N, C-alpha and C. Protein backbone atom coordinates (compact mmCIF):
# COMPACT_ATOMS: atom_id res chain seq x y z
N MET A 1 -21.71 42.75 27.01
CA MET A 1 -22.34 42.58 25.95
C MET A 1 -21.44 41.16 24.61
N ASP A 2 -21.80 39.96 24.47
CA ASP A 2 -21.08 39.16 24.05
C ASP A 2 -20.55 39.84 22.41
N THR A 3 -19.24 39.78 22.04
CA THR A 3 -19.43 39.89 20.61
C THR A 3 -18.52 38.67 19.35
N SER A 4 -18.93 37.49 19.95
CA SER A 4 -18.52 36.66 19.77
C SER A 4 -19.70 35.40 18.74
N LYS A 5 -19.43 34.80 18.06
CA LYS A 5 -20.76 33.86 17.25
C LYS A 5 -20.68 32.81 18.32
N PRO A 6 -22.05 32.45 18.30
CA PRO A 6 -22.06 31.19 19.14
C PRO A 6 -21.07 30.27 18.26
N GLY A 7 -20.26 29.35 18.97
CA GLY A 7 -19.27 28.04 18.78
C GLY A 7 -17.78 28.43 18.44
N GLY A 8 -17.84 30.01 18.21
CA GLY A 8 -16.64 30.90 17.77
C GLY A 8 -15.75 31.16 19.18
N MET A 9 -14.66 31.77 18.93
CA MET A 9 -13.70 32.11 20.49
C MET A 9 -14.02 33.27 20.38
N ALA A 10 -14.34 33.57 21.95
CA ALA A 10 -14.86 34.79 22.88
C ALA A 10 -13.62 35.34 22.25
N GLY A 11 -14.47 37.48 22.40
CA GLY A 11 -13.70 38.31 21.73
C GLY A 11 -13.49 38.39 20.37
N GLN A 12 -13.63 37.96 19.24
CA GLN A 12 -13.55 37.69 18.18
C GLN A 12 -14.86 38.46 17.67
N PRO A 13 -14.78 39.16 16.39
CA PRO A 13 -16.37 39.93 16.04
C PRO A 13 -16.91 39.04 15.12
N ARG A 14 -18.27 39.37 15.80
CA ARG A 14 -19.38 38.23 15.64
C ARG A 14 -19.71 38.50 14.07
N ILE A 15 -19.79 37.23 13.38
CA ILE A 15 -19.72 37.40 11.49
C ILE A 15 -21.75 37.34 11.72
N PRO A 16 -22.12 38.39 11.20
CA PRO A 16 -22.92 38.78 10.52
C PRO A 16 -24.43 37.97 9.92
N ARG A 17 -25.51 37.70 10.59
CA ARG A 17 -26.20 36.37 9.93
C ARG A 17 -26.88 37.38 8.83
N GLU A 18 -27.11 36.07 8.14
CA GLU A 18 -27.89 36.78 6.89
C GLU A 18 -29.11 37.63 7.06
N ILE A 19 -29.55 38.94 6.38
CA ILE A 19 -30.98 39.19 6.43
C ILE A 19 -32.05 38.61 5.51
N VAL A 20 -33.13 38.12 6.05
CA VAL A 20 -33.79 37.92 5.01
C VAL A 20 -35.19 38.19 5.09
N GLU A 21 -36.41 38.10 4.01
CA GLU A 21 -37.59 39.12 4.53
C GLU A 21 -38.67 37.69 4.17
N SER A 22 -39.75 37.75 4.90
CA SER A 22 -40.21 37.01 4.71
C SER A 22 -41.46 37.43 3.96
N GLU A 23 -42.50 36.51 3.74
CA GLU A 23 -43.62 37.13 2.43
C GLU A 23 -44.58 38.32 2.55
N THR A 24 -44.25 38.21 4.46
CA THR A 24 -45.59 39.30 5.26
C THR A 24 -44.48 40.59 5.43
N PHE A 25 -43.52 40.39 5.89
CA PHE A 25 -42.28 41.54 5.83
C PHE A 25 -42.82 42.09 4.73
N ALA A 26 -42.27 41.47 3.32
CA ALA A 26 -41.94 42.17 1.95
C ALA A 26 -43.87 42.95 1.80
N ASN A 27 -44.51 42.31 2.38
CA ASN A 27 -45.95 43.30 1.55
C ASN A 27 -46.19 44.17 2.73
N GLN A 28 -45.67 43.78 3.97
CA GLN A 28 -45.87 45.60 4.98
C GLN A 28 -45.07 46.48 4.50
N ARG A 29 -43.78 46.09 4.32
CA ARG A 29 -43.00 47.06 3.82
C ARG A 29 -43.28 48.07 2.87
N SER A 30 -44.09 48.05 2.26
CA SER A 30 -44.55 49.00 1.20
C SER A 30 -45.59 50.16 2.05
N ARG A 31 -46.17 49.37 3.29
CA ARG A 31 -47.21 50.42 3.75
C ARG A 31 -46.43 50.87 5.08
N ALA A 32 -45.05 51.02 5.49
CA ALA A 32 -44.90 51.51 6.41
C ALA A 32 -44.25 52.61 6.35
N VAL A 33 -43.81 52.69 5.22
CA VAL A 33 -43.46 54.33 5.17
C VAL A 33 -43.86 54.77 3.04
N ALA A 34 -43.67 55.61 2.56
CA ALA A 34 -43.62 56.22 1.66
C ALA A 34 -43.15 55.97 0.62
N SER A 35 -41.94 55.80 1.03
CA SER A 35 -40.88 54.88 -0.47
C SER A 35 -40.07 54.16 -0.02
N PRO A 36 -39.79 52.67 -0.68
CA PRO A 36 -38.77 51.82 0.26
C PRO A 36 -37.54 52.16 0.51
N ARG A 37 -36.91 52.61 -0.56
CA ARG A 37 -35.49 53.97 -0.09
C ARG A 37 -35.46 54.31 1.16
N ARG A 38 -36.39 54.85 1.60
CA ARG A 38 -36.47 55.34 2.92
C ARG A 38 -36.21 54.62 4.07
N LEU A 39 -37.57 53.78 3.56
CA LEU A 39 -37.05 52.60 4.86
C LEU A 39 -35.92 52.23 5.24
N ASP A 40 -35.22 51.72 3.78
CA ASP A 40 -33.95 51.21 4.02
C ASP A 40 -32.68 52.36 4.78
N ASP A 41 -32.88 53.81 4.35
CA ASP A 41 -32.23 54.51 4.82
C ASP A 41 -32.80 54.51 6.20
N LEU A 42 -33.67 54.30 6.77
CA LEU A 42 -34.16 54.84 7.65
C LEU A 42 -33.90 53.60 9.04
N ILE A 43 -33.47 52.00 8.33
CA ILE A 43 -33.42 50.88 9.26
C ILE A 43 -31.94 50.33 8.71
N ASP A 44 -31.21 50.83 8.22
CA ASP A 44 -30.14 50.09 7.71
C ASP A 44 -29.19 50.07 9.08
N GLY A 45 -29.08 50.78 9.78
CA GLY A 45 -28.00 50.79 11.40
C GLY A 45 -29.02 49.79 11.67
N LEU A 46 -30.35 49.73 12.06
CA LEU A 46 -30.77 48.85 13.20
C LEU A 46 -30.52 47.36 12.98
N LEU A 47 -30.88 47.19 11.20
CA LEU A 47 -30.43 45.63 10.70
C LEU A 47 -28.92 45.69 10.80
N PHE A 48 -28.40 46.18 10.51
CA PHE A 48 -26.84 46.18 11.04
C PHE A 48 -26.79 44.98 12.04
N THR A 49 -27.21 46.00 13.26
CA THR A 49 -27.36 45.33 14.86
C THR A 49 -27.64 44.24 14.68
N ILE A 50 -29.09 44.00 14.13
CA ILE A 50 -30.19 42.95 14.45
C ILE A 50 -29.08 41.67 13.81
N ALA A 51 -28.28 41.86 13.06
CA ALA A 51 -27.65 40.82 11.89
C ALA A 51 -26.47 40.31 12.49
N ARG A 52 -26.16 40.90 13.60
CA ARG A 52 -24.78 40.64 14.64
C ARG A 52 -25.30 40.08 15.93
N ILE A 53 -26.61 40.69 16.55
CA ILE A 53 -26.28 40.70 18.24
C ILE A 53 -28.27 40.46 18.13
N PRO A 54 -28.74 39.76 17.60
CA PRO A 54 -30.16 39.41 17.43
C PRO A 54 -31.10 39.26 19.29
N GLU A 55 -30.28 38.46 19.15
CA GLU A 55 -30.27 37.99 20.94
C GLU A 55 -30.11 39.11 21.99
N ASP A 56 -29.52 39.87 21.76
CA ASP A 56 -29.64 41.38 21.96
C ASP A 56 -31.20 41.91 22.48
N PHE A 57 -32.17 41.97 21.52
CA PHE A 57 -33.23 42.48 21.61
C PHE A 57 -34.62 41.16 21.98
N PRO A 58 -35.29 42.31 23.34
CA PRO A 58 -36.63 41.69 23.95
C PRO A 58 -37.10 40.47 22.64
N GLY A 59 -37.85 39.69 23.45
CA GLY A 59 -38.79 38.59 22.09
C GLY A 59 -39.37 38.09 23.28
N ILE A 60 -40.63 37.30 22.73
CA ILE A 60 -41.85 36.24 23.38
C ILE A 60 -42.15 35.31 22.68
N GLY A 61 -41.84 34.02 22.78
CA GLY A 61 -42.05 32.65 22.05
C GLY A 61 -41.72 32.75 20.36
N GLY A 62 -40.31 33.01 20.43
CA GLY A 62 -39.27 32.69 19.49
C GLY A 62 -39.22 34.19 18.66
N VAL A 63 -39.80 34.90 18.99
CA VAL A 63 -40.30 36.27 18.05
C VAL A 63 -39.57 37.45 18.72
N SER A 64 -38.78 38.25 18.13
CA SER A 64 -37.93 38.95 18.62
C SER A 64 -38.30 40.43 18.00
N LEU A 65 -38.43 41.46 18.70
CA LEU A 65 -38.98 42.75 18.44
C LEU A 65 -37.61 44.15 18.67
N ALA A 66 -37.16 44.53 17.37
CA ALA A 66 -36.60 45.71 17.51
C ALA A 66 -37.61 47.03 17.38
N ARG A 67 -37.13 48.43 17.97
CA ARG A 67 -38.10 49.32 17.86
C ARG A 67 -36.91 50.34 16.88
N TYR A 68 -37.26 50.92 15.54
CA TYR A 68 -36.79 52.31 15.18
C TYR A 68 -37.80 53.67 15.48
N VAL A 69 -36.95 54.65 16.66
CA VAL A 69 -37.86 55.86 16.77
C VAL A 69 -36.89 56.77 16.24
N GLY A 70 -37.43 57.30 14.95
CA GLY A 70 -36.67 59.03 14.70
C GLY A 70 -37.67 59.65 14.79
N PRO A 71 -36.95 60.67 13.82
CA PRO A 71 -37.87 62.51 14.46
C PRO A 71 -39.13 62.20 13.42
N LEU A 72 -39.44 61.60 12.35
CA LEU A 72 -40.67 61.60 11.86
C LEU A 72 -41.21 60.10 11.85
N ASP A 73 -40.74 59.35 11.86
CA ASP A 73 -40.66 57.88 12.00
C ASP A 73 -40.49 56.72 13.47
N ARG A 74 -41.94 56.21 13.49
CA ARG A 74 -41.45 54.94 14.29
C ARG A 74 -41.91 53.99 13.99
N LEU A 75 -41.31 52.70 13.70
CA LEU A 75 -41.15 51.47 13.67
C LEU A 75 -41.12 50.43 14.49
N ARG A 76 -41.94 49.13 14.09
CA ARG A 76 -41.39 48.07 14.63
C ARG A 76 -41.47 47.01 14.01
N ILE A 77 -40.00 45.96 14.22
CA ILE A 77 -40.19 45.59 13.31
C ILE A 77 -40.27 44.03 13.86
N TRP A 78 -40.57 42.58 13.59
CA TRP A 78 -40.64 41.33 14.17
C TRP A 78 -39.48 40.58 13.67
N PHE A 79 -38.87 39.75 14.19
CA PHE A 79 -37.81 39.13 13.42
C PHE A 79 -37.90 37.69 14.26
N THR A 80 -37.07 36.28 13.64
CA THR A 80 -36.88 35.43 14.01
C THR A 80 -35.37 34.99 13.89
N TYR A 81 -34.65 34.24 14.36
CA TYR A 81 -33.13 34.07 13.86
C TYR A 81 -33.06 32.82 14.87
N ASP A 82 -31.64 32.20 13.95
CA ASP A 82 -30.77 31.05 13.89
C ASP A 82 -29.12 31.70 13.91
N ASP A 83 -28.66 30.04 13.82
CA ASP A 83 -27.30 30.97 13.96
C ASP A 83 -26.80 32.04 12.80
N ASP A 84 -27.50 31.17 11.67
CA ASP A 84 -27.17 31.60 10.26
C ASP A 84 -27.64 32.70 9.86
N PHE A 85 -29.26 32.99 10.35
CA PHE A 85 -30.02 33.71 9.37
C PHE A 85 -31.12 34.82 10.18
N VAL A 86 -31.30 35.79 10.13
CA VAL A 86 -32.50 36.79 10.84
C VAL A 86 -33.28 36.70 9.42
N THR A 87 -35.05 36.25 10.03
CA THR A 87 -35.76 36.32 9.19
C THR A 87 -36.43 37.35 9.49
N LEU A 88 -36.90 38.56 8.85
CA LEU A 88 -37.64 39.72 9.30
C LEU A 88 -39.04 39.09 8.68
N GLN A 89 -39.82 39.23 9.85
CA GLN A 89 -41.15 38.96 9.93
C GLN A 89 -42.39 39.53 9.33
N GLY A 90 -42.45 40.62 10.23
CA GLY A 90 -43.23 41.88 10.13
C GLY A 90 -42.86 43.14 10.33
N ILE A 91 -43.58 44.30 9.98
CA ILE A 91 -42.88 45.54 10.20
C ILE A 91 -44.58 46.37 10.26
N GLU A 92 -44.72 47.51 11.08
CA GLU A 92 -45.82 48.34 11.52
C GLU A 92 -44.87 50.01 11.79
N ARG A 93 -45.73 50.68 11.62
CA ARG A 93 -45.60 52.21 11.56
C ARG A 93 -46.32 52.24 12.91
N VAL A 94 -45.96 53.20 13.98
CA VAL A 94 -46.10 53.00 14.88
C VAL A 94 -46.54 54.60 15.58
N ALA A 95 -47.37 55.01 15.65
CA ALA A 95 -48.46 56.26 15.75
C ALA A 95 -47.17 56.83 17.08
N PRO A 96 -46.72 58.40 17.29
CA PRO A 96 -46.13 58.74 18.20
C PRO A 96 -47.08 58.47 19.99
N GLY A 97 -46.67 58.04 20.47
CA GLY A 97 -47.44 57.80 22.21
C GLY A 97 -47.44 56.76 21.72
N ASP A 98 -47.17 55.75 20.83
CA ASP A 98 -47.73 54.28 21.31
C ASP A 98 -46.22 53.60 21.57
């Protein structure tokens, strides 16, 4: 796994991109789990990783997908990114088995 930011020196820690929420993501997040704080607790680690290495997640047509699978919750998060920003585009709760 490459740990350098594009344009930086190889081997240097990657500077995290800024995470921003699209209007669609902001609207969907309230329906994804019962409490916004619970959602933050669930996906903090995932967003930490997305901000540093978004290119490691699968994507189609410029939109990447990250999955959170926990003991009680399963979520899909769609995002786009460039050298400076990760934009969260959508989120949905996934039924077990999907």
